[in-house]
């Protein structure tokens, strides 16, 4: 999307790239009932959210691991191709050892992604020395300005050790402006990804702490993510990226997973995939409406580069309907090669050329309907 109109057909985009796209990507799991991180990275756009949650954060830290809920987690994980984790394991090791020990035991189940700037320095030794080699590193993020300030050779040494032992899927670059592309440290880091053969997965985004910028690139640098708009540390993204599972609560945005006042779109003691999918779609519609109303009401800066995002949010909130009593999931919503699709097919759904239909269906009711569509 970015600053130019990449979505000309909102209905097609919602159905094929948004509606159920996040369940076909990953679930981001946390043992905490609300997320928090204590690394203190300057680039962190949720730092204020962490601070606001801190006075009551302790009540969202489980004192024990519920074995029955643990069974449900493993059940949920089986629906997703990728189960990732962004918890602050350094903090857990020193402050919540019972949670850290659980992660040490089960770390091989996750692909880890919470290593940005300072947290890379804090977490790398733990993965190297205290987790098994089967523990995979999904993503490491570096801000260009941080790379300019540290001893780059030491970081490369740490990256080499981690890549050799655990594997690194991709590096994400965070830029303040286009000039950051040319910084020598950025070019050296980009060269390192080429040397290790992981450059094809690289990506980048602008620094969410400031005003949204459109960062062009000439193909030599990682592609700019275009699924999100931002305004002074608040992110408004297409909700087709990830699902956040915080203990027994599902959220659609990182900031909702942090806020102690947020309401999950789905809470469970026993996971029900039918309820999960409906509540997720309805949750998106509610969030998009809230964001569109804020934008049109002037609470969000009228930034031309973000306009297309809010046009999309507004259209979806006004033209998409979720049906709670659905028994049909069209093929363009959930791809047959996804784990979620095949999990449903193995349980109470039947696969057809047009999608999944619930067993013993008489009158067909789709999961979503598009007005005049």
Protein backbone atom coordinates (compact mmCIF):
# COMPACT_ATOMS: atom_id res chain seq x y z
CA UNK A 1 0.00 0.00 0.00
CA UNK A 2 2.54 2.61 1.15
CA UNK A 3 2.02 6.11 -0.21
CA UNK A 4 0.59 4.99 -3.54
CA UNK A 5 -2.60 3.09 -4.30
CA UNK A 6 -1.68 -0.59 -4.43
CA UNK A 7 -5.21 -1.74 -3.56
CA UNK A 8 -7.69 -0.93 -6.31
CA UNK A 9 -10.13 -3.68 -5.36
CA UNK A 10 -10.76 -3.57 -1.61
CA UNK A 11 -13.09 -6.60 -1.67
CA UNK A 12 -10.56 -8.80 -3.46
CA UNK A 13 -7.77 -7.65 -1.17
CA UNK A 14 -9.77 -8.30 2.00
CA UNK A 15 -10.84 -11.78 0.94
CA UNK A 16 -7.46 -12.93 -0.40
CA UNK A 17 -4.88 -10.97 1.62
CA UNK A 18 -6.50 -10.03 4.92
CA UNK A 19 -9.56 -11.89 6.19
CA UNK A 20 -7.92 -15.19 7.21
CA UNK A 21 -4.41 -14.42 6.03
CA UNK A 22 -2.98 -14.19 9.55
CA UNK A 23 -4.01 -17.75 10.50
CA UNK A 24 -2.07 -18.88 7.43
CA UNK A 25 1.08 -17.12 8.60
CA UNK A 26 1.84 -17.51 12.28
CA UNK A 27 0.59 -17.39 15.80
CA UNK A 28 2.74 -15.35 18.18
CA UNK A 29 2.60 -17.05 21.56
CA UNK A 30 3.39 -15.73 25.03
CA UNK A 31 3.17 -17.27 28.50
CA UNK A 32 2.15 -13.82 29.76
CA UNK A 33 -1.47 -12.72 29.84
CA UNK A 34 -0.28 -9.34 28.58
CA UNK A 35 2.97 -8.70 26.74
CA UNK A 36 5.83 -6.60 28.05
CA UNK A 37 9.54 -6.16 27.31
CA UNK A 38 12.26 -4.55 29.41
CA UNK A 39 15.10 -4.21 26.89
CA UNK A 40 14.60 -0.44 26.54
CA UNK A 41 15.46 -0.12 22.85
CA UNK A 42 15.31 3.50 21.64
CA UNK A 43 13.55 2.39 18.49
CA UNK A 44 10.74 0.72 20.46
CA UNK A 45 7.41 2.27 19.46
CA UNK A 46 5.52 0.49 22.26
CA UNK A 47 7.68 1.84 25.09
CA UNK A 48 4.91 4.14 26.33
CA UNK A 49 2.44 1.26 26.21
CA UNK A 50 4.79 -0.84 28.35
CA UNK A 51 5.12 1.95 30.89
CA UNK A 52 1.37 2.52 31.10
CA UNK A 53 0.78 -1.19 31.74
CA UNK A 54 3.58 -1.58 34.28
CA UNK A 55 1.73 -0.59 37.52
CA UNK A 56 -0.69 -3.51 37.09
CA UNK A 57 1.44 -5.78 34.93
CA UNK A 58 2.26 -8.20 37.76
CA UNK A 59 -1.31 -9.52 37.88
CA UNK A 60 -0.92 -10.72 34.29
CA UNK A 61 2.09 -12.93 35.08
CA UNK A 62 1.08 -16.58 35.65
CA UNK A 63 2.46 -17.97 38.90
CA UNK A 64 2.22 -21.54 37.60
CA UNK A 65 1.72 -23.30 34.28
CA UNK A 66 -1.76 -24.83 34.08
CA UNK A 67 -1.26 -28.36 32.62
CA UNK A 68 -4.75 -28.41 31.10
CA UNK A 69 -4.19 -25.08 29.39
CA UNK A 70 -0.78 -26.29 28.25
CA UNK A 71 -2.57 -29.09 26.35
CA UNK A 72 -4.73 -26.47 24.67
CA UNK A 73 -1.66 -24.48 23.61
CA UNK A 74 -0.19 -27.53 21.90
CA UNK A 75 -3.56 -28.07 20.23
CA UNK A 76 -3.59 -24.48 18.94
CA UNK A 77 0.00 -24.73 17.70
CA UNK A 78 -0.98 -27.62 15.43
CA UNK A 79 -3.18 -25.26 13.37
CA UNK A 80 -0.31 -22.96 12.41
CA UNK A 81 2.62 -23.31 10.06
CA UNK A 82 4.75 -21.09 12.28
CA UNK A 83 4.57 -20.63 16.05
CA UNK A 84 6.76 -17.67 16.96
CA UNK A 85 7.68 -16.00 20.22
CA UNK A 86 8.76 -12.48 21.17
CA UNK A 87 8.92 -12.78 24.97
CA UNK A 88 11.78 -11.10 26.83
CA UNK A 89 13.63 -14.23 27.92
CA UNK A 90 16.43 -12.22 29.56
CA UNK A 91 13.91 -10.64 31.93
CA UNK A 92 12.22 -13.99 32.50
CA UNK A 93 15.49 -15.68 33.40
CA UNK A 94 16.16 -13.13 36.13
CA UNK A 95 12.61 -12.32 37.30
CA UNK A 96 10.31 -15.24 36.43
CA UNK A 97 12.44 -18.37 36.44
CA UNK A 98 9.46 -20.76 36.26
CA UNK A 99 8.46 -19.25 32.90
CA UNK A 100 12.04 -19.25 31.66
CA UNK A 101 12.44 -22.92 32.53
CA UNK A 102 9.27 -23.77 30.59
CA UNK A 103 10.72 -22.00 27.56
CA UNK A 104 14.01 -23.81 27.91
CA UNK A 105 12.12 -27.10 27.80
CA UNK A 106 9.86 -26.12 24.91
CA UNK A 107 12.00 -23.55 23.08
CA UNK A 108 12.43 -25.85 20.09
CA UNK A 109 8.70 -25.48 19.35
CA UNK A 110 9.07 -21.77 18.57
CA UNK A 111 10.73 -19.52 16.07
CA UNK A 112 12.05 -16.59 18.06
CA UNK A 113 11.73 -12.98 16.97
CA UNK A 114 12.15 -10.58 19.88
CA UNK A 115 15.71 -9.48 19.19
CA UNK A 116 15.86 -5.81 18.30
CA UNK A 117 19.02 -3.79 18.97
CA UNK A 118 19.63 -4.03 22.76
CA UNK A 119 17.63 -7.22 23.09
CA UNK A 120 19.86 -8.99 20.60
CA UNK A 121 22.83 -8.33 22.90
CA UNK A 122 20.86 -9.55 25.93
CA UNK A 123 19.29 -12.64 24.37
CA UNK A 124 21.95 -14.07 22.05
CA UNK A 125 24.06 -15.58 24.88
CA UNK A 126 20.96 -17.29 26.31
CA UNK A 127 20.06 -18.94 23.03
CA UNK A 128 23.66 -19.99 22.48
CA UNK A 129 24.30 -21.34 25.97
CA UNK A 130 20.96 -22.30 27.52
CA UNK A 131 18.63 -23.34 24.68
CA UNK A 132 18.94 -26.35 22.40
CA UNK A 133 20.38 -26.04 18.87
CA UNK A 134 16.90 -26.96 17.55
CA UNK A 135 15.64 -23.54 18.74
CA UNK A 136 15.21 -21.45 15.59
CA UNK A 137 15.63 -17.68 15.21
CA UNK A 138 12.86 -16.30 13.03
CA UNK A 139 13.82 -12.64 12.87
CA UNK A 140 16.35 -10.12 14.18
CA UNK A 141 15.66 -6.39 13.78
CA UNK A 142 18.32 -3.71 13.66
CA UNK A 143 17.75 0.03 13.47
CA UNK A 144 20.19 1.79 11.15
CA UNK A 145 21.11 4.42 13.75
CA UNK A 146 21.88 1.72 16.38
CA UNK A 147 24.16 -0.11 13.94
CA UNK A 148 26.12 3.13 13.48
CA UNK A 149 26.74 3.43 17.24
CA UNK A 150 27.90 -0.05 18.22
CA UNK A 151 30.99 -2.17 17.53
CA UNK A 152 29.85 -3.86 14.36
CA UNK A 153 32.52 -6.57 14.38
CA UNK A 154 31.28 -7.82 17.77
CA UNK A 155 27.71 -7.99 16.46
CA UNK A 156 28.84 -9.92 13.38
CA UNK A 157 30.67 -12.39 15.62
CA UNK A 158 27.52 -12.92 17.69
CA UNK A 159 25.43 -13.29 14.53
CA UNK A 160 27.88 -15.83 13.09
CA UNK A 161 27.66 -17.96 16.24
CA UNK A 162 23.87 -17.80 16.30
CA UNK A 163 23.52 -18.52 12.58
CA UNK A 164 25.87 -21.50 12.80
CA UNK A 165 24.19 -23.03 15.86
CA UNK A 166 20.51 -22.10 15.61
CA UNK A 167 19.93 -20.61 12.18
CA UNK A 168 18.55 -17.14 11.37
CA UNK A 169 15.62 -16.76 9.00
CA UNK A 170 15.83 -13.03 8.24
CA UNK A 171 17.12 -9.62 9.22
CA UNK A 172 14.76 -6.65 9.41
CA UNK A 173 16.10 -3.11 8.94
CA UNK A 174 14.47 -0.07 10.54
CA UNK A 175 15.14 3.28 8.84
CA UNK A 176 14.49 6.88 9.82
CA UNK A 177 14.86 8.17 6.27
CA UNK A 178 16.15 7.21 2.83
CA UNK A 179 19.69 8.34 3.67
CA UNK A 180 19.94 5.48 6.17
CA UNK A 181 20.16 3.06 3.25
CA UNK A 182 23.61 4.42 2.44
CA UNK A 183 25.09 4.13 5.94
CA UNK A 184 28.21 1.96 5.90
CA UNK A 185 26.99 -0.19 8.79
CA UNK A 186 23.73 -0.93 6.96
CA UNK A 187 25.58 -1.91 3.80
CA UNK A 188 27.90 -4.18 5.79
CA UNK A 189 24.93 -5.85 7.51
CA UNK A 190 23.20 -6.28 4.18
CA UNK A 191 26.39 -7.84 2.77
CA UNK A 192 26.49 -10.24 5.73
CA UNK A 193 22.97 -11.49 4.88
CA UNK A 194 24.12 -12.12 1.29
CA UNK A 195 27.16 -14.00 2.51
CA UNK A 196 24.98 -16.24 4.70
CA UNK A 197 22.33 -16.74 2.01
CA UNK A 198 19.44 -15.24 3.99
CA UNK A 199 19.09 -11.96 2.07
CA UNK A 200 15.98 -13.05 0.15
CA UNK A 201 13.90 -12.82 3.34
CA UNK A 202 15.16 -9.38 4.40
CA UNK A 203 12.62 -6.61 4.87
CA UNK A 204 12.43 -3.10 6.28
CA UNK A 205 10.09 -0.48 7.62
CA UNK A 206 10.23 3.15 8.65
CA UNK A 207 10.79 4.17 12.26
CA UNK A 208 7.30 4.11 13.78
CA UNK A 209 8.34 6.61 16.46
CA UNK A 210 8.09 9.55 14.07
CA UNK A 211 5.79 10.65 11.29
CA UNK A 212 5.13 8.10 8.59
CA UNK A 213 7.54 8.27 5.67
CA UNK A 214 7.54 6.56 2.31
CA UNK A 215 10.96 4.95 1.94
CA UNK A 216 11.75 4.17 -1.66
CA UNK A 217 14.50 1.75 -2.57
CA UNK A 218 16.22 0.81 -5.79
CA UNK A 219 16.08 -2.96 -5.38
CA UNK A 220 19.49 -3.20 -3.74
CA UNK A 221 18.00 -2.92 -0.27
CA UNK A 222 15.27 -4.86 1.52
CA UNK A 223 11.74 -4.09 0.43
CA UNK A 224 9.74 -1.57 2.43
CA UNK A 225 6.78 -3.11 4.24
CA UNK A 226 3.58 -1.50 2.98
CA UNK A 227 1.00 -3.14 5.23
CA UNK A 228 1.08 -0.50 7.94
CA UNK A 229 0.57 3.19 8.57
CA UNK A 230 1.91 4.94 11.66
CA UNK A 231 1.62 8.20 13.53
CA UNK A 232 4.00 9.08 16.38
CA UNK A 233 4.42 5.58 17.79
CA UNK A 234 0.92 4.31 17.02
CA UNK A 235 0.70 1.66 14.32
CA UNK A 236 -2.33 1.04 12.16
CA UNK A 237 -1.63 -2.08 10.14
CA UNK A 238 -3.49 -4.42 7.83
CA UNK A 239 -4.51 -7.17 10.25
CA UNK A 240 -3.50 -10.02 7.97
CA UNK A 241 -0.06 -10.50 9.48
CA UNK A 242 -0.20 -12.31 12.82
CA UNK A 243 -2.35 -13.65 15.59
CA UNK A 244 -1.24 -12.92 19.18
CA UNK A 245 -1.98 -15.61 21.75
CA UNK A 246 -1.32 -14.24 25.24
CA UNK A 247 -1.82 -17.18 27.60
CA UNK A 248 -5.54 -17.83 26.97
CA UNK A 249 -6.41 -14.63 25.09
CA UNK A 250 -6.20 -13.82 21.37
CA UNK A 251 -5.40 -10.30 20.13
CA UNK A 252 -4.97 -8.85 16.65
CA UNK A 253 -2.43 -6.11 17.40
CA UNK A 254 0.74 -5.89 19.44
CA UNK A 255 -0.50 -2.80 21.25
CA UNK A 256 -3.73 -4.56 22.28
CA UNK A 257 -1.68 -7.49 23.56
CA UNK A 258 0.16 -5.04 25.84
CA UNK A 259 -2.69 -2.91 27.14
CA UNK A 260 -4.11 -4.11 30.46
CA UNK A 261 -7.45 -2.54 29.52
CA UNK A 262 -7.81 -4.22 26.13
CA UNK A 263 -10.46 -6.88 25.51
CA UNK A 264 -9.33 -10.01 23.65
CA UNK A 265 -11.27 -10.91 20.54
CA UNK A 266 -11.33 -14.53 21.75
CA UNK A 267 -10.77 -16.06 25.18
CA UNK A 268 -10.84 -19.82 25.74
CA UNK A 269 -10.40 -22.61 28.25
CA UNK A 270 -10.85 -25.14 25.43
CA UNK A 271 -9.91 -24.02 21.92
CA UNK A 272 -12.72 -24.00 19.35
CA UNK A 273 -11.54 -23.23 15.81
CA UNK A 274 -15.04 -22.31 14.61
CA UNK A 275 -15.42 -19.66 17.32
CA UNK A 276 -11.83 -18.52 16.77
CA UNK A 277 -12.30 -17.74 13.07
CA UNK A 278 -15.61 -15.90 13.49
CA UNK A 279 -14.36 -13.85 16.44
CA UNK A 280 -11.19 -12.95 14.57
CA UNK A 281 -13.10 -11.60 11.56
CA UNK A 282 -15.49 -9.67 13.82
CA UNK A 283 -12.52 -8.37 15.79
CA UNK A 284 -10.96 -6.99 12.60
CA UNK A 285 -14.16 -5.23 11.65
CA UNK A 286 -14.36 -3.61 15.09
CA UNK A 287 -10.73 -2.43 15.01
CA UNK A 288 -10.94 -1.10 11.44
CA UNK A 289 -14.07 0.88 12.32
CA UNK A 290 -12.37 2.38 15.38
CA UNK A 291 -9.32 3.40 13.35
CA UNK A 292 -11.35 4.82 10.47
CA UNK A 293 -13.50 6.84 12.88
CA UNK A 294 -10.40 8.24 14.58
CA UNK A 295 -8.87 9.17 11.24
CA UNK A 296 -11.99 10.91 9.94
CA UNK A 297 -12.49 12.55 13.33
CA UNK A 298 -9.02 14.11 13.20
CA UNK A 299 -7.49 12.12 16.07
CA UNK A 300 -4.95 10.64 13.63
CA UNK A 301 -2.81 12.93 11.51
CA UNK A 302 -4.11 13.37 7.96
CA UNK A 303 -1.00 12.02 6.33
CA UNK A 304 -1.27 11.54 2.52
CA UNK A 305 0.98 8.49 2.75
CA UNK A 306 -1.44 6.82 5.15
CA UNK A 307 -4.67 7.82 3.40
CA UNK A 308 -5.06 4.61 1.41
CA UNK A 309 -4.85 2.52 4.58
CA UNK A 310 -7.68 4.37 6.25
CA UNK A 311 -9.79 4.31 3.08
CA UNK A 312 -9.39 0.53 3.21
CA UNK A 313 -10.20 0.30 6.94
CA UNK A 314 -13.32 2.41 6.39
CA UNK A 315 -14.49 0.36 3.42
CA UNK A 316 -14.05 -2.97 5.20
CA UNK A 317 -15.87 -1.81 8.33
CA UNK A 318 -18.84 -0.66 6.23
CA UNK A 319 -19.04 -3.44 3.63
CA UNK A 320 -18.01 -6.71 5.28
CA UNK A 321 -20.28 -8.79 7.48
CA UNK A 322 -19.22 -11.82 9.56
CA UNK A 323 -21.72 -14.63 10.08
CA UNK A 324 -21.53 -16.35 13.46
CA UNK A 325 -23.54 -19.35 12.26
CA UNK A 326 -21.30 -19.90 9.20
CA UNK A 327 -20.80 -23.35 7.67
CA UNK A 328 -18.85 -22.43 4.53
CA UNK A 329 -15.32 -21.00 4.15
CA UNK A 330 -14.65 -19.95 0.51
CA UNK A 331 -11.43 -21.16 -1.11
CA UNK A 332 -10.09 -17.61 -1.52
CA UNK A 333 -10.27 -17.06 2.26
CA UNK A 334 -8.33 -20.14 3.36
CA UNK A 335 -5.79 -21.74 1.05
CA UNK A 336 -5.75 -25.56 0.72
CA UNK A 337 -1.99 -25.64 1.37
CA UNK A 338 -2.35 -24.00 4.79
CA UNK A 339 -2.13 -25.99 8.01
CA UNK A 340 -5.33 -24.39 9.31
CA UNK A 341 -7.25 -25.57 6.21
CA UNK A 342 -6.00 -29.13 6.54
CA UNK A 343 -6.62 -29.19 10.27
CA UNK A 344 -10.27 -28.25 9.67
CA UNK A 345 -10.50 -30.85 6.91
CA UNK A 346 -9.30 -33.53 9.32
CA UNK A 347 -12.00 -32.63 11.86
CA UNK A 348 -15.51 -31.34 11.17
CA UNK A 349 -15.15 -29.80 7.68
CA UNK A 350 -15.18 -31.24 4.14
CA UNK A 351 -12.93 -29.90 1.37
CA UNK A 352 -14.51 -29.03 -2.00
CA UNK A 353 -13.30 -27.16 -5.08
CA UNK A 354 -15.03 -24.05 -3.74
CA UNK A 355 -13.65 -24.26 -0.21
CA UNK A 356 -14.50 -25.90 3.09
CA UNK A 357 -18.04 -26.80 4.02
CA UNK A 358 -19.11 -28.05 7.42
CA UNK A 359 -20.32 -31.62 7.56
CA UNK A 360 -24.12 -32.14 7.54
CA UNK A 361 -24.74 -28.70 6.01
CA UNK A 362 -28.13 -28.02 4.43
CA UNK A 363 -28.36 -24.23 3.96
CA UNK A 364 -25.00 -22.67 3.10
CA UNK A 365 -23.90 -19.68 5.21
CA UNK A 366 -20.48 -18.16 4.35
CA UNK A 367 -18.08 -16.93 7.03
CA UNK A 368 -18.08 -13.46 5.48
CA UNK A 369 -20.34 -11.54 3.11
CA UNK A 370 -19.46 -8.47 1.05
CA UNK A 371 -22.15 -5.83 0.56
CA UNK A 372 -23.22 -5.81 -3.10
CA UNK A 373 -20.47 -8.37 -3.72
